[in-house]
Amino acid sequence: MNCLALSRHCIIADFRFAEQDLNFTNHDATFYKFKLDSVLQSLPPADKINQWRLYEFQEWAFAGIKNDDYAHRTIEDLRSHKFNPILSKVLDSQRYHCFLSHYYNTTVGFQQVWPNTKILTLVNWQKFIRLAGTLKSLSNENIDNHFSYLLDHPSTLSWPSLIYDVDHSIFSQENHLRSIKTLYHALGWDDFQEDLIKQYYSEYRYLHGY
């Protein structure tokens, strides 16, 4: 998600950075440096990776909605500033933001609130998730319970879905760059910044020790 957030077409989904992201009028080197510096803040120091939740972007809060509120919220609620006034600017900007969902029902609910949602499905993630789970001090049972639900609805996704093959891409810079570039093209984005993505990937790879 953070490699997508490096694009001018995508707002960083965190209150700490979103408004400044929106306020840039020139998408120049200063803007893209801000984007990279911001997304790098989502990575904990290597010795604090088990505290990763303190560093990850709070896209749940940024999306303006709680997990159990989907059935009761609409775009009009978001524009009412009930959650955060920045969201009204996000809607007016007609730019994307990324939201992570581990569950089918959550994804469906989110799409009801944000009807123009595009779905990016992560596939073939078992090897990486074992590695990341161990570093984050998650037990195998916790990992199994958390991700097994993802397999419950493999054939019920009726919407067009973009794909990122995790285990094929994440362990190889070349494959990762190719996959992210493909996503940019599929989304119609015209500012694939290979050098920035390489820098983020290098830090991410170092953090996970591969």
Protein backbone atom coordinates (compact mmCIF):
# COMPACT_ATOMS: atom_id res chain seq x y z
CA MET A 1 0.00 0.00 0.00
CA ASN A 2 2.80 2.41 0.80
CA CYS A 3 4.28 2.03 -2.67
CA LEU A 4 0.92 3.18 -4.02
CA ALA A 5 0.86 6.07 -1.54
CA LEU A 6 4.01 7.41 -3.19
CA SER A 7 1.92 8.46 -6.19
CA ARG A 8 0.42 11.92 -6.56
CA HIS A 9 -2.83 10.12 -7.35
CA CYS A 10 -2.99 8.61 -3.86
CA ILE A 11 -3.31 10.39 -0.52
CA ILE A 12 -1.37 9.04 2.45
CA ALA A 13 -4.08 7.50 4.62
CA ASP A 14 -3.00 8.89 7.96
CA PHE A 15 -4.12 12.06 9.71
CA ARG A 16 -0.51 13.08 10.37
CA PHE A 17 0.25 13.48 6.66
CA ALA A 18 -2.99 13.64 4.66
CA GLU A 19 -3.70 17.36 4.88
CA GLN A 20 -0.15 18.33 3.90
CA ASP A 21 -0.37 15.82 1.05
CA LEU A 22 -3.58 17.48 -0.13
CA ASN A 23 -2.16 20.99 0.16
CA PHE A 24 0.73 20.47 -2.24
CA THR A 25 0.04 22.31 -5.49
CA ASN A 26 3.31 21.43 -7.23
CA HIS A 27 4.10 17.77 -7.59
CA ASP A 28 7.83 18.35 -7.77
CA ALA A 29 10.87 16.80 -6.09
CA THR A 30 9.92 18.39 -2.75
CA PHE A 31 6.48 16.79 -2.92
CA TYR A 32 7.83 13.33 -3.68
CA LYS A 33 10.45 13.66 -0.93
CA PHE A 34 7.61 14.42 1.48
CA LYS A 35 5.78 11.32 0.25
CA LEU A 36 8.79 9.06 0.76
CA ASP A 37 9.72 10.53 4.14
CA SER A 38 6.12 10.08 5.28
CA VAL A 39 5.67 6.46 4.24
CA LEU A 40 9.03 5.53 5.75
CA GLN A 41 7.62 6.60 9.10
CA SER A 42 5.26 3.62 8.92
CA LEU A 43 8.26 1.30 9.37
CA PRO A 44 9.42 0.68 12.94
CA PRO A 45 13.10 0.40 13.86
CA ALA A 46 14.31 -3.17 13.45
CA ASP A 47 14.55 -3.66 17.23
CA LYS A 48 10.94 -2.53 17.67
CA ILE A 49 9.26 -4.50 14.90
CA ASN A 50 7.10 -6.31 17.46
CA GLN A 51 5.60 -2.85 18.19
CA TRP A 52 4.61 -2.41 14.56
CA ARG A 53 1.06 -1.32 15.38
CA LEU A 54 2.46 1.93 16.83
CA TYR A 55 3.96 2.83 13.46
CA GLU A 56 1.53 1.61 10.80
CA PHE A 57 -0.76 4.16 9.21
CA GLN A 58 -4.15 4.45 10.91
CA GLU A 59 -6.18 4.02 7.75
CA TRP A 60 -9.16 2.66 9.70
CA ALA A 61 -9.58 5.99 11.47
CA PHE A 62 -8.68 7.92 8.33
CA ALA A 63 -11.41 6.16 6.35
CA GLY A 64 -13.90 7.82 8.66
CA ILE A 65 -15.59 4.69 9.80
CA LYS A 66 -15.37 1.96 12.40
CA ASN A 67 -15.41 -1.74 11.56
CA ASP A 68 -18.90 -2.23 13.04
CA ASP A 69 -20.37 0.95 11.56
CA TYR A 70 -20.43 0.08 7.86
CA ALA A 71 -24.14 -0.69 7.71
CA HIS A 72 -24.97 2.74 9.13
CA ARG A 73 -22.63 5.12 7.32
CA THR A 74 -22.68 6.80 3.94
CA ILE A 75 -20.62 9.27 1.95
CA GLU A 76 -22.99 11.95 3.27
CA ASP A 77 -21.94 11.04 6.82
CA LEU A 78 -18.31 11.51 5.85
CA ARG A 79 -19.04 14.91 4.32
CA SER A 80 -20.87 15.95 7.50
CA HIS A 81 -17.48 16.15 9.26
CA LYS A 82 -18.81 13.70 11.82
CA PHE A 83 -15.48 11.90 11.77
CA ASN A 84 -12.82 14.32 10.50
CA PRO A 85 -13.00 17.39 8.25
CA ILE A 86 -10.03 16.20 6.20
CA LEU A 87 -12.27 13.53 4.70
CA SER A 88 -14.36 16.13 2.91
CA LYS A 89 -11.17 17.39 1.24
CA VAL A 90 -10.28 13.83 0.31
CA LEU A 91 -13.63 13.36 -1.38
CA ASP A 92 -13.30 16.62 -3.28
CA SER A 93 -9.75 15.82 -4.39
CA GLN A 94 -10.90 12.76 -6.37
CA ARG A 95 -7.70 11.02 -5.34
CA TYR A 96 -7.31 7.51 -4.03
CA HIS A 97 -6.38 6.36 -0.56
CA CYS A 98 -5.57 2.83 0.56
CA PHE A 99 -7.39 0.81 3.18
CA LEU A 100 -6.31 -2.65 4.38
CA SER A 101 -8.96 -5.31 4.93
CA HIS A 102 -8.36 -8.88 6.05
CA TYR A 103 -12.02 -9.90 5.80
CA TYR A 104 -14.49 -10.34 2.98
CA ASN A 105 -17.42 -8.78 4.85
CA THR A 106 -15.32 -5.76 5.79
CA THR A 107 -14.35 -5.28 2.16
CA VAL A 108 -17.96 -5.43 1.03
CA GLY A 109 -19.00 -2.99 3.74
CA PHE A 110 -16.23 -0.56 2.90
CA GLN A 111 -17.24 -0.64 -0.75
CA GLN A 112 -20.79 0.31 0.24
CA VAL A 113 -19.49 3.50 1.84
CA TRP A 114 -16.84 4.23 -0.81
CA PRO A 115 -18.64 3.07 -3.99
CA ASN A 116 -15.70 3.81 -6.31
CA THR A 117 -13.46 1.39 -4.44
CA LYS A 118 -10.97 -0.63 -6.45
CA ILE A 119 -9.96 -3.96 -4.92
CA LEU A 120 -6.32 -5.03 -4.77
CA THR A 121 -6.10 -8.67 -3.74
CA LEU A 122 -2.91 -10.03 -2.19
CA VAL A 123 -2.38 -13.65 -3.24
CA ASN A 124 0.24 -16.31 -2.50
CA TRP A 125 1.27 -14.72 0.80
CA GLN A 126 1.90 -17.77 3.01
CA LYS A 127 5.72 -17.68 3.05
CA PHE A 128 5.96 -13.96 3.72
CA ILE A 129 3.26 -13.92 6.38
CA ARG A 130 5.10 -16.62 8.35
CA LEU A 131 8.25 -14.54 8.23
CA ALA A 132 6.53 -11.30 9.18
CA GLY A 133 4.42 -12.98 11.84
CA THR A 134 7.47 -14.41 13.55
CA LEU A 135 9.22 -11.03 13.56
CA LYS A 136 6.09 -9.40 14.97
CA SER A 137 5.90 -12.01 17.74
CA LEU A 138 2.68 -13.55 16.47
CA SER A 139 2.23 -17.25 17.19
CA ASN A 140 1.53 -19.68 14.36
CA GLU A 141 -1.93 -20.24 15.83
CA ASN A 142 -2.58 -16.51 15.82
CA ILE A 143 -1.43 -16.25 12.21
CA ASP A 144 -3.58 -19.21 11.16
CA ASN A 145 -6.68 -17.83 12.89
CA HIS A 146 -6.14 -14.35 11.54
CA PHE A 147 -5.67 -15.30 7.92
CA SER A 148 -7.72 -18.47 7.51
CA TYR A 149 -10.87 -16.40 6.98
CA LEU A 150 -9.30 -14.97 3.85
CA LEU A 151 -9.72 -18.38 2.25
CA ASP A 152 -13.43 -18.69 3.04
CA HIS A 153 -14.66 -16.69 0.05
CA PRO A 154 -12.17 -17.33 -2.77
CA SER A 155 -14.77 -17.48 -5.52
CA THR A 156 -17.30 -14.91 -4.35
CA LEU A 157 -15.42 -11.78 -5.35
CA SER A 158 -17.69 -10.45 -8.06
CA TRP A 159 -15.90 -7.14 -8.60
CA PRO A 160 -12.86 -6.65 -10.84
CA SER A 161 -9.76 -7.19 -8.75
CA LEU A 162 -6.16 -6.10 -9.13
CA ILE A 163 -3.60 -8.68 -8.02
CA TYR A 164 -0.28 -8.53 -6.16
CA ASP A 165 1.48 -11.91 -5.84
CA VAL A 166 3.24 -11.49 -2.50
CA ASP A 167 5.69 -14.40 -2.33
CA HIS A 168 6.60 -13.99 -6.01
CA SER A 169 7.22 -10.25 -5.73
CA ILE A 170 8.23 -9.26 -2.22
CA PHE A 171 11.51 -11.21 -2.05
CA SER A 172 12.87 -9.78 -5.32
CA GLN A 173 13.34 -6.08 -6.01
CA GLU A 174 13.03 -6.70 -9.74
CA ASN A 175 9.76 -8.60 -9.36
CA HIS A 176 8.41 -6.09 -6.87
CA LEU A 177 9.13 -3.12 -9.14
CA ARG A 178 7.52 -4.92 -12.06
CA SER A 179 4.41 -5.72 -10.01
CA ILE A 180 4.01 -2.19 -8.67
CA LYS A 181 4.54 -0.69 -12.12
CA THR A 182 1.81 -3.00 -13.43
CA LEU A 183 -0.54 -1.76 -10.71
CA TYR A 184 0.20 1.88 -11.55
CA HIS A 185 -0.61 1.23 -15.19
CA ALA A 186 -3.79 -0.68 -14.31
CA LEU A 187 -4.95 2.26 -12.18
CA GLY A 188 -4.11 4.75 -14.91
CA TRP A 189 -1.43 6.49 -12.83
CA ASP A 190 1.35 8.22 -14.72
CA ASP A 191 4.00 8.86 -12.05
CA PHE A 192 5.69 5.55 -11.29
CA GLN A 193 8.75 6.67 -9.29
CA GLU A 194 11.17 3.76 -9.50
CA ASP A 195 13.89 5.37 -7.38
CA LEU A 196 11.47 6.19 -4.55
CA ILE A 197 9.98 2.72 -4.60
CA LYS A 198 13.46 1.21 -4.54
CA GLN A 199 14.32 3.25 -1.45
CA TYR A 200 11.16 2.19 0.36
CA TYR A 201 11.61 -1.43 -0.70
CA SER A 202 15.20 -1.44 0.55
CA GLU A 203 14.14 -0.27 4.01
CA TYR A 204 11.22 -2.69 4.10
CA ARG A 205 13.43 -5.59 3.06
CA TYR A 206 16.07 -4.72 5.67
CA LEU A 207 13.40 -4.55 8.37
CA HIS A 208 12.22 -8.07 7.54
CA GLY A 209 15.72 -9.48 7.16
CA TYR A 210 15.59 -10.97 3.67
